[in-house]
Amino acid sequence: MLDKLNEVELKPVAEDSTEQPSEPVNPPVIESVEIDTFGIEYSLPQTVEPFDYLNWLQSQQSVVSGGTTSGN
């Protein structure tokens, strides 16, 4: 896999540039990934709900303004 990545053709940079070429002409696409778990069955990870900052911020603004807004 790494050999294939090393063979990817890169877009040339300007001659006066000090940067190394890093953008591929035809970017490689990963079509599939396989992971060997050595026979161990893993359950889904425990997750938590992300904090909804926007709703919290809006609720704080309505408290400061003295009530809910009418939307007009």
PDB file of N, CA and C in Angstrom:
ATOM      1  N   MET A   1       0.826  -1.190   0.000  1.00  0.00           N
ATOM      2  CA  MET A   1       0.000   0.000   0.000  1.00  0.00           C
ATOM      3  C   MET A   1       0.870   1.254   0.000  1.00  0.00           C
ATOM      4  N   LEU A   2       1.864   1.307   0.847  1.00  0.00           N
ATOM      5  CA  LEU A   2       2.715   2.488   0.915  1.00  0.00           C
ATOM      6  C   LEU A   2       3.493   2.686  -0.375  1.00  0.00           C
ATOM      7  N   ASP A   3       3.876   1.604  -1.016  1.00  0.00           N
ATOM      8  CA  ASP A   3       4.573   1.721  -2.299  1.00  0.00           C
ATOM      9  C   ASP A   3       3.687   2.401  -3.328  1.00  0.00           C
ATOM     10  N   LYS A   4       2.394   2.060  -3.335  1.00  0.00           N
ATOM     11  CA  LYS A   4       1.468   2.683  -4.274  1.00  0.00           C
ATOM     12  C   LYS A   4       1.325   4.177  -3.999  1.00  0.00           C
ATOM     13  N   LEU A   5       1.303   4.563  -2.730  1.00  0.00           N
ATOM     14  CA  LEU A   5       1.206   5.974  -2.395  1.00  0.00           C
ATOM     15  C   LEU A   5       2.457   6.733  -2.829  1.00  0.00           C
ATOM     16  N   ASN A   6       3.608   6.101  -2.712  1.00  0.00           N
ATOM     17  CA  ASN A   6       4.848   6.743  -3.131  1.00  0.00           C
ATOM     18  C   ASN A   6       4.919   6.935  -4.637  1.00  0.00           C
ATOM     19  N   GLU A   7       4.165   6.152  -5.391  1.00  0.00           N
ATOM     20  CA  GLU A   7       4.187   6.229  -6.846  1.00  0.00           C
ATOM     21  C   GLU A   7       3.179   7.223  -7.409  1.00  0.00           C
ATOM     22  N   VAL A   8       2.393   7.885  -6.562  1.00  0.00           N
ATOM     23  CA  VAL A   8       1.376   8.822  -7.025  1.00  0.00           C
ATOM     24  C   VAL A   8       2.055  10.040  -7.639  1.00  0.00           C
ATOM     25  N   GLU A   9       1.607  10.411  -8.838  1.00  0.00           N
ATOM     26  CA  GLU A   9       2.163  11.576  -9.525  1.00  0.00           C
ATOM     27  C   GLU A   9       1.659  12.852  -8.860  1.00  0.00           C
ATOM     28  N   LEU A  10       2.580  13.788  -8.574  1.00  0.00           N
ATOM     29  CA  LEU A  10       2.235  15.031  -7.900  1.00  0.00           C
ATOM     30  C   LEU A  10       2.221  16.189  -8.880  1.00  0.00           C
ATOM     31  N   LYS A  11       1.339  17.165  -8.610  1.00  0.00           N
ATOM     32  CA  LYS A  11       1.275  18.361  -9.447  1.00  0.00           C
ATOM     33  C   LYS A  11       2.539  19.175  -9.233  1.00  0.00           C
ATOM     34  N   PRO A  12       3.097  19.722 -10.300  1.00  0.00           N
ATOM     35  CA  PRO A  12       4.318  20.516 -10.149  1.00  0.00           C
ATOM     36  C   PRO A  12       4.026  21.841  -9.451  1.00  0.00           C
ATOM     37  N   VAL A  13       5.039  22.377  -8.761  1.00  0.00           N
ATOM     38  CA  VAL A  13       4.938  23.689  -8.131  1.00  0.00           C
ATOM     39  C   VAL A  13       5.760  24.670  -8.957  1.00  0.00           C
ATOM     40  N   ALA A  14       5.577  25.945  -8.714  1.00  0.00           N
ATOM     41  CA  ALA A  14       6.317  26.963  -9.451  1.00  0.00           C
ATOM     42  C   ALA A  14       7.814  26.781  -9.241  1.00  0.00           C
ATOM     43  N   GLU A  15       8.582  27.107 -10.273  1.00  0.00           N
ATOM     44  CA  GLU A  15      10.034  26.904 -10.202  1.00  0.00           C
ATOM     45  C   GLU A  15      10.685  27.722  -9.101  1.00  0.00           C
ATOM     46  N   ASP A  16      10.144  28.910  -8.816  1.00  0.00           N
ATOM     47  CA  ASP A  16      10.743  29.759  -7.793  1.00  0.00           C
ATOM     48  C   ASP A  16      10.232  29.448  -6.387  1.00  0.00           C
ATOM     49  N   SER A  17       9.367  28.461  -6.262  1.00  0.00           N
ATOM     50  CA  SER A  17       8.798  28.098  -4.969  1.00  0.00           C
ATOM     51  C   SER A  17       9.768  27.218  -4.189  1.00  0.00           C
ATOM     52  N   THR A  18       9.751  27.387  -2.871  1.00  0.00           N
ATOM     53  CA  THR A  18      10.578  26.548  -1.999  1.00  0.00           C
ATOM     54  C   THR A  18       9.777  25.369  -1.448  1.00  0.00           C
ATOM     55  N   GLU A  19       8.480  25.320  -1.779  1.00  0.00           N
ATOM     56  CA  GLU A  19       7.618  24.243  -1.289  1.00  0.00           C
ATOM     57  C   GLU A  19       7.862  22.951  -2.056  1.00  0.00           C
ATOM     58  N   GLN A  20       7.639  21.855  -1.383  1.00  0.00           N
ATOM     59  CA  GLN A  20       7.707  20.541  -2.015  1.00  0.00           C
ATOM     60  C   GLN A  20       6.341  20.235  -2.623  1.00  0.00           C
ATOM     61  N   PRO A  21       6.288  19.578  -3.769  1.00  0.00           N
ATOM     62  CA  PRO A  21       4.983  19.220  -4.339  1.00  0.00           C
ATOM     63  C   PRO A  21       4.255  18.255  -3.406  1.00  0.00           C
ATOM     64  N   SER A  22       2.975  18.528  -3.166  1.00  0.00           N
ATOM     65  CA  SER A  22       2.237  17.664  -2.253  1.00  0.00           C
ATOM     66  C   SER A  22       0.828  17.341  -2.725  1.00  0.00           C
ATOM     67  N   GLU A  23       0.356  17.974  -3.798  1.00  0.00           N
ATOM     68  CA  GLU A  23      -0.992  17.708  -4.280  1.00  0.00           C
ATOM     69  C   GLU A  23      -0.942  16.713  -5.427  1.00  0.00           C
ATOM     70  N   PRO A  24      -1.638  15.585  -5.299  1.00  0.00           N
ATOM     71  CA  PRO A  24      -1.592  14.579  -6.362  1.00  0.00           C
ATOM     72  C   PRO A  24      -2.380  15.005  -7.588  1.00  0.00           C
ATOM     73  N   VAL A  25      -1.923  14.556  -8.754  1.00  0.00           N
ATOM     74  CA  VAL A  25      -2.632  14.814 -10.008  1.00  0.00           C
ATOM     75  C   VAL A  25      -3.963  14.079  -9.978  1.00  0.00           C
ATOM     76  N   ASN A  26      -3.933  12.813  -9.666  1.00  0.00           N
ATOM     77  CA  ASN A  26      -5.140  11.989  -9.515  1.00  0.00           C
ATOM     78  C   ASN A  26      -5.133  11.425  -8.097  1.00  0.00           C
ATOM     79  N   PRO A  27      -5.838  12.080  -7.164  1.00  0.00           N
ATOM     80  CA  PRO A  27      -5.809  11.626  -5.774  1.00  0.00           C
ATOM     81  C   PRO A  27      -6.263  10.172  -5.633  1.00  0.00           C
ATOM     82  N   PRO A  28      -5.564   9.373  -4.837  1.00  0.00           N
ATOM     83  CA  PRO A  28      -5.993   7.982  -4.619  1.00  0.00           C
ATOM     84  C   PRO A  28      -7.283   7.949  -3.798  1.00  0.00           C
ATOM     85  N   VAL A  29      -8.093   6.948  -4.051  1.00  0.00           N
ATOM     86  CA  VAL A  29      -9.360   6.786  -3.346  1.00  0.00           C
ATOM     87  C   VAL A  29      -9.343   5.442  -2.641  1.00  0.00           C
ATOM     88  N   ILE A  30      -9.608   5.454  -1.343  1.00  0.00           N
ATOM     89  CA  ILE A  30      -9.701   4.201  -0.584  1.00  0.00           C
ATOM     90  C   ILE A  30     -11.091   3.635  -0.814  1.00  0.00           C
ATOM     91  N   GLU A  31     -11.157   2.455  -1.406  1.00  0.00           N
ATOM     92  CA  GLU A  31     -12.438   1.843  -1.725  1.00  0.00           C
ATOM     93  C   GLU A  31     -12.969   0.965  -0.605  1.00  0.00           C
ATOM     94  N   SER A  32     -12.081   0.368   0.175  1.00  0.00           N
ATOM     95  CA  SER A  32     -12.527  -0.452   1.292  1.00  0.00           C
ATOM     96  C   SER A  32     -11.401  -0.572   2.313  1.00  0.00           C
ATOM     97  N   VAL A  33     -11.805  -0.869   3.543  1.00  0.00           N
ATOM     98  CA  VAL A  33     -10.853  -1.049   4.631  1.00  0.00           C
ATOM     99  C   VAL A  33     -11.264  -2.300   5.394  1.00  0.00           C
ATOM    100  N   GLU A  34     -10.307  -3.147   5.696  1.00  0.00           N
ATOM    101  CA  GLU A  34     -10.571  -4.339   6.494  1.00  0.00           C
ATOM    102  C   GLU A  34      -9.675  -4.304   7.720  1.00  0.00           C
ATOM    103  N   ILE A  35     -10.238  -4.684   8.847  1.00  0.00           N
ATOM    104  CA  ILE A  35      -9.488  -4.705  10.097  1.00  0.00           C
ATOM    105  C   ILE A  35      -9.564  -6.109  10.675  1.00  0.00           C
ATOM    106  N   ASP A  36      -8.418  -6.682  10.960  1.00  0.00           N
ATOM    107  CA  ASP A  36      -8.372  -8.009  11.566  1.00  0.00           C
ATOM    108  C   ASP A  36      -8.434  -7.850  13.075  1.00  0.00           C
ATOM    109  N   THR A  37      -9.523  -8.341  13.685  1.00  0.00           N
ATOM    110  CA  THR A  37      -9.691  -8.240  15.141  1.00  0.00           C
ATOM    111  C   THR A  37      -9.208  -9.504  15.837  1.00  0.00           C
ATOM    112  N   PHE A  38      -8.572 -10.391  15.090  1.00  0.00           N
ATOM    113  CA  PHE A  38      -8.039 -11.646  15.632  1.00  0.00           C
ATOM    114  C   PHE A  38      -9.109 -12.450  16.357  1.00  0.00           C
ATOM    115  N   GLY A  39     -10.339 -12.455  15.792  1.00  0.00           N
ATOM    116  CA  GLY A  39     -11.427 -13.269  16.328  1.00  0.00           C
ATOM    117  C   GLY A  39     -12.182 -12.659  17.481  1.00  0.00           C
ATOM    118  N   ILE A  40     -11.823 -11.485  17.937  1.00  0.00           N
ATOM    119  CA  ILE A  40     -12.511 -10.851  19.059  1.00  0.00           C
ATOM    120  C   ILE A  40     -13.688 -10.050  18.521  1.00  0.00           C
ATOM    121  N   GLU A  41     -14.865 -10.253  19.128  1.00  0.00           N
ATOM    122  CA  GLU A  41     -16.062  -9.504  18.749  1.00  0.00           C
ATOM    123  C   GLU A  41     -16.169  -8.272  19.644  1.00  0.00           C
ATOM    124  N   TYR A  42     -16.179  -7.117  19.035  1.00  0.00           N
ATOM    125  CA  TYR A  42     -16.306  -5.870  19.784  1.00  0.00           C
ATOM    126  C   TYR A  42     -17.716  -5.335  19.641  1.00  0.00           C
ATOM    127  N   SER A  43     -18.276  -4.830  20.741  1.00  0.00           N
ATOM    128  CA  SER A  43     -19.604  -4.214  20.678  1.00  0.00           C
ATOM    129  C   SER A  43     -19.453  -2.765  20.245  1.00  0.00           C
ATOM    130  N   LEU A  44     -20.588  -2.132  19.977  1.00  0.00           N
ATOM    131  CA  LEU A  44     -20.546  -0.725  19.605  1.00  0.00           C
ATOM    132  C   LEU A  44     -20.030   0.101  20.784  1.00  0.00           C
ATOM    133  N   PRO A  45     -19.293   1.155  20.527  1.00  0.00           N
ATOM    134  CA  PRO A  45     -18.770   1.962  21.625  1.00  0.00           C
ATOM    135  C   PRO A  45     -19.872   2.759  22.309  1.00  0.00           C
ATOM    136  N   GLN A  46     -19.673   3.080  23.571  1.00  0.00           N
ATOM    137  CA  GLN A  46     -20.602   3.944  24.279  1.00  0.00           C
ATOM    138  C   GLN A  46     -20.384   5.366  23.780  1.00  0.00           C
ATOM    139  N   THR A  47     -21.466   6.047  23.498  1.00  0.00           N
ATOM    140  CA  THR A  47     -21.370   7.416  23.000  1.00  0.00           C
ATOM    141  C   THR A  47     -22.189   8.336  23.886  1.00  0.00           C
ATOM    142  N   VAL A  48     -21.923   9.612  23.810  1.00  0.00           N
ATOM    143  CA  VAL A  48     -22.692  10.615  24.535  1.00  0.00           C
ATOM    144  C   VAL A  48     -23.215  11.632  23.537  1.00  0.00           C
ATOM    145  N   GLU A  49     -24.325  12.263  23.882  1.00  0.00           N
ATOM    146  CA  GLU A  49     -24.878  13.302  23.027  1.00  0.00           C
ATOM    147  C   GLU A  49     -23.943  14.502  23.058  1.00  0.00           C
ATOM    148  N   PRO A  50     -23.636  15.074  21.911  1.00  0.00           N
ATOM    149  CA  PRO A  50     -22.790  16.260  21.915  1.00  0.00           C
ATOM    150  C   PRO A  50     -23.536  17.446  22.514  1.00  0.00           C
ATOM    151  N   PHE A  51     -22.817  18.342  23.139  1.00  0.00           N
ATOM    152  CA  PHE A  51     -23.405  19.524  23.737  1.00  0.00           C
ATOM    153  C   PHE A  51     -23.898  20.443  22.629  1.00  0.00           C
ATOM    154  N   ASP A  52     -25.159  20.854  22.720  1.00  0.00           N
ATOM    155  CA  ASP A  52     -25.756  21.727  21.709  1.00  0.00           C
ATOM    156  C   ASP A  52     -25.553  23.178  22.132  1.00  0.00           C
ATOM    157  N   TYR A  53     -24.423  23.717  21.722  1.00  0.00           N
ATOM    158  CA  TYR A  53     -24.040  25.064  22.130  1.00  0.00           C
ATOM    159  C   TYR A  53     -25.014  26.116  21.602  1.00  0.00           C
ATOM    160  N   LEU A  54     -25.490  25.963  20.378  1.00  0.00           N
ATOM    161  CA  LEU A  54     -26.388  26.949  19.788  1.00  0.00           C
ATOM    162  C   LEU A  54     -27.689  27.060  20.583  1.00  0.00           C
ATOM    163  N   ASN A  55     -28.318  25.945  20.914  1.00  0.00           N
ATOM    164  CA  ASN A  55     -29.552  25.990  21.701  1.00  0.00           C
ATOM    165  C   ASN A  55     -29.296  26.548  23.093  1.00  0.00           C
ATOM    166  N   TRP A  56     -28.170  26.187  23.695  1.00  0.00           N
ATOM    167  CA  TRP A  56     -27.837  26.719  25.019  1.00  0.00           C
ATOM    168  C   TRP A  56     -27.670  28.235  24.952  1.00  0.00           C
ATOM    169  N   LEU A  57     -26.953  28.705  23.935  1.00  0.00           N
ATOM    170  CA  LEU A  57     -26.714  30.136  23.784  1.00  0.00           C
ATOM    171  C   LEU A  57     -28.029  30.876  23.580  1.00  0.00           C
ATOM    172  N   GLN A  58     -28.915  30.319  22.761  1.00  0.00           N
ATOM    173  CA  GLN A  58     -30.215  30.956  22.539  1.00  0.00           C
ATOM    174  C   GLN A  58     -31.034  30.995  23.821  1.00  0.00           C
ATOM    175  N   SER A  59     -30.982  29.943  24.622  1.00  0.00           N
ATOM    176  CA  SER A  59     -31.732  29.945  25.881  1.00  0.00           C
ATOM    177  C   SER A  59     -31.162  30.973  26.851  1.00  0.00           C
ATOM    178  N   GLN A  60     -29.847  31.178  26.832  1.00  0.00           N
ATOM    179  CA  GLN A  60     -29.237  32.188  27.700  1.00  0.00           C
ATOM    180  C   GLN A  60     -29.638  33.590  27.264  1.00  0.00           C
ATOM    181  N   GLN A  61     -29.756  33.803  25.978  1.00  0.00           N
ATOM    182  CA  GLN A  61     -30.152  35.118  25.479  1.00  0.00           C
ATOM    183  C   GLN A  61     -31.578  35.427  25.846  1.00  0.00           C
ATOM    184  N   SER A  62     -32.470  34.426  25.853  1.00  0.00           N
ATOM    185  CA  SER A  62     -33.859  34.680  26.227  1.00  0.00           C
ATOM    186  C   SER A  62     -33.980  34.953  27.711  1.00  0.00           C
ATOM    187  N   VAL A  63     -33.118  34.360  28.544  1.00  0.00           N
ATOM    188  CA  VAL A  63     -33.120  34.631  29.983  1.00  0.00           C
ATOM    189  C   VAL A  63     -32.690  36.069  30.231  1.00  0.00           C
ATOM    190  N   VAL A  64     -31.655  36.515  29.519  1.00  0.00           N
ATOM    191  CA  VAL A  64     -31.126  37.869  29.692  1.00  0.00           C
ATOM    192  C   VAL A  64     -32.134  38.893  29.199  1.00  0.00           C
ATOM    193  N   SER A  65     -32.869  38.599  28.115  1.00  0.00           N
ATOM    194  CA  SER A  65     -33.817  39.563  27.548  1.00  0.00           C
ATOM    195  C   SER A  65     -35.121  39.592  28.329  1.00  0.00           C
ATOM    196  N   GLY A  66     -35.307  38.714  29.306  1.00  0.00           N
ATOM    197  CA  GLY A  66     -36.493  38.749  30.157  1.00  0.00           C
ATOM    198  C   GLY A  66     -37.628  37.871  29.686  1.00  0.00           C
ATOM    199  N   GLY A  67     -37.380  36.933  28.833  1.00  0.00           N
ATOM    200  CA  GLY A  67     -38.439  36.037  28.385  1.00  0.00           C
ATOM    201  C   GLY A  67     -38.124  35.493  27.006  1.00  0.00           C
ATOM    202  N   THR A  68     -39.137  34.870  26.432  1.00  0.00           N
ATOM    203  CA  THR A  68     -38.947  34.302  25.098  1.00  0.00           C
ATOM    204  C   THR A  68     -39.232  35.366  24.060  1.00  0.00           C
ATOM    205  N   THR A  69     -38.642  35.197  22.916  1.00  0.00           N
ATOM    206  CA  THR A  69     -38.863  36.132  21.820  1.00  0.00           C
ATOM    207  C   THR A  69     -40.056  35.669  21.009  1.00  0.00           C
ATOM    208  N   SER A  70     -40.736  36.587  20.352  1.00  0.00           N
ATOM    209  CA  SER A  70     -41.919  36.235  19.566  1.00  0.00           C
ATOM    210  C   SER A  70     -41.553  35.791  18.159  1.00  0.00           C
ATOM    211  N   GLY A  71     -40.307  36.015  17.757  1.00  0.00           N
ATOM    212  CA  GLY A  71     -39.887  35.604  16.431  1.00  0.00           C
ATOM    213  C   GLY A  71     -40.105  36.675  15.396  1.00  0.00           C
ATOM    214  N   ASN A  72     -40.617  37.835  15.776  1.00  0.00           N
ATOM    215  CA  ASN A  72     -40.845  38.940  14.827  1.00  0.00           C
ATOM    216  C   ASN A  72     -39.744  39.949  14.916  1.00  0.00           C
TER     217      ASN A  72
END
